Amino acid sequence: MAGKIDVELKSWLRFIVDVLENPLLQKIPITPGLFTEHIKQCRLFGGKYTYFDSFHVAAARILKLKLVTTDKQILRDADISSEDLKTYS
């Protein structure tokens, strides 16, 4: 899925607040090491990934976590522990 989806600002802000306040979601601090890895991965600075995806890739690499995604480029990258979200049906 790609492209713009029109959402009312009030609904979008409620979604963001719900995510931030959800006690089941662990927040990951952006440490200097994570930010440095993000910069290495970011296409703007010579890496392979978009600005947004590079944060996810960096967090997975730094924290040694498996990244669950449908992004084919991330799934093909042998340096990133990942699993296809489609296997969770």
Protein backbone atom coordinates (compact mmCIF):
# COMPACT_ATOMS: atom_id res chain seq x y z
CA MET A 1 0.00 0.00 0.00
CA ALA A 2 1.41 3.34 -0.95
CA GLY A 3 0.15 6.84 -1.40
CA LYS A 4 -1.77 9.39 0.59
CA ILE A 5 -4.75 8.46 2.72
CA ASP A 6 -7.01 11.30 3.79
CA VAL A 7 -7.64 11.20 7.53
CA GLU A 8 -9.20 13.86 9.69
CA LEU A 9 -6.62 15.59 11.88
CA LYS A 10 -8.57 14.79 15.06
CA SER A 11 -8.61 11.06 14.22
CA TRP A 12 -4.90 11.07 13.34
CA LEU A 13 -3.94 12.84 16.59
CA ARG A 14 -6.07 10.37 18.61
CA PHE A 15 -4.24 7.49 16.91
CA ILE A 16 -0.85 9.00 17.77
CA VAL A 17 -1.87 9.55 21.41
CA ASP A 18 -3.18 5.97 21.62
CA VAL A 19 0.14 4.61 20.34
CA LEU A 20 2.17 6.76 22.72
CA GLU A 21 0.04 5.86 25.75
CA ASN A 22 -0.36 2.14 25.03
CA PRO A 23 1.34 0.28 27.92
CA LEU A 24 1.86 -2.81 25.73
CA LEU A 25 4.11 -0.99 23.29
CA GLN A 26 7.70 -0.69 24.39
CA LYS A 27 9.31 2.61 23.47
CA ILE A 28 12.86 2.46 22.15
CA PRO A 29 15.04 5.46 23.00
CA ILE A 30 16.99 6.98 20.14
CA THR A 31 20.52 6.63 21.47
CA PRO A 32 23.62 8.05 19.75
CA GLY A 33 24.44 4.52 18.52
CA LEU A 34 20.98 3.97 17.07
CA PHE A 35 21.03 7.38 15.39
CA THR A 36 24.48 6.69 13.92
CA GLU A 37 23.23 3.37 12.50
CA HIS A 38 20.14 5.16 11.15
CA ILE A 39 22.35 7.61 9.27
CA LYS A 40 24.38 4.72 7.79
CA GLN A 41 21.20 3.03 6.57
CA CYS A 42 19.45 6.17 5.29
CA ARG A 43 19.35 6.68 1.53
CA LEU A 44 19.83 10.44 2.01
CA PHE A 45 23.32 9.68 3.31
CA GLY A 46 24.31 6.88 0.92
CA GLY A 47 22.41 3.98 2.52
CA LYS A 48 19.70 1.75 1.05
CA TYR A 49 16.57 2.75 2.94
CA THR A 50 14.12 5.62 3.22
CA TYR A 51 14.40 7.93 6.20
CA PHE A 52 11.53 6.14 7.95
CA ASP A 53 12.63 2.57 7.16
CA SER A 54 16.21 3.30 8.17
CA PHE A 55 15.09 3.91 11.77
CA HIS A 56 13.42 0.49 11.88
CA VAL A 57 16.44 -1.21 10.33
CA ALA A 58 18.80 0.59 12.71
CA ALA A 59 16.74 -0.37 15.77
CA ALA A 60 16.61 -4.03 14.69
CA ARG A 61 20.37 -4.12 14.11
CA ILE A 62 21.41 -2.24 17.28
CA LEU A 63 18.97 -4.04 19.59
CA LYS A 64 19.50 -7.40 17.84
CA LEU A 65 15.77 -7.84 17.27
CA LYS A 66 13.94 -9.46 14.38
CA LEU A 67 12.16 -6.95 12.16
CA VAL A 68 8.74 -8.14 11.00
CA THR A 69 7.88 -6.45 7.72
CA THR A 70 6.53 -6.89 4.21
CA ASP A 71 9.30 -4.73 2.71
CA LYS A 72 10.99 -6.93 0.11
CA GLN A 73 14.27 -5.01 0.21
CA ILE A 74 14.56 -5.41 3.99
CA LEU A 75 13.60 -9.10 3.79
CA ARG A 76 16.34 -9.72 1.17
CA ASP A 77 19.04 -7.94 3.20
CA ALA A 78 21.13 -10.67 4.85
CA ASP A 79 22.51 -8.17 7.40
CA ILE A 80 19.06 -7.65 8.92
CA SER A 81 17.26 -10.30 10.93
CA SER A 82 13.75 -10.13 9.49
CA GLU A 83 10.62 -12.14 8.92
CA ASP A 84 7.81 -11.62 6.45
CA LEU A 85 4.64 -10.34 8.11
CA LYS A 86 2.64 -12.40 5.60
CA THR A 87 3.64 -15.58 7.47
CA TYR A 88 1.45 -14.41 10.39
CA SER A 89 -1.92 -15.07 8.76
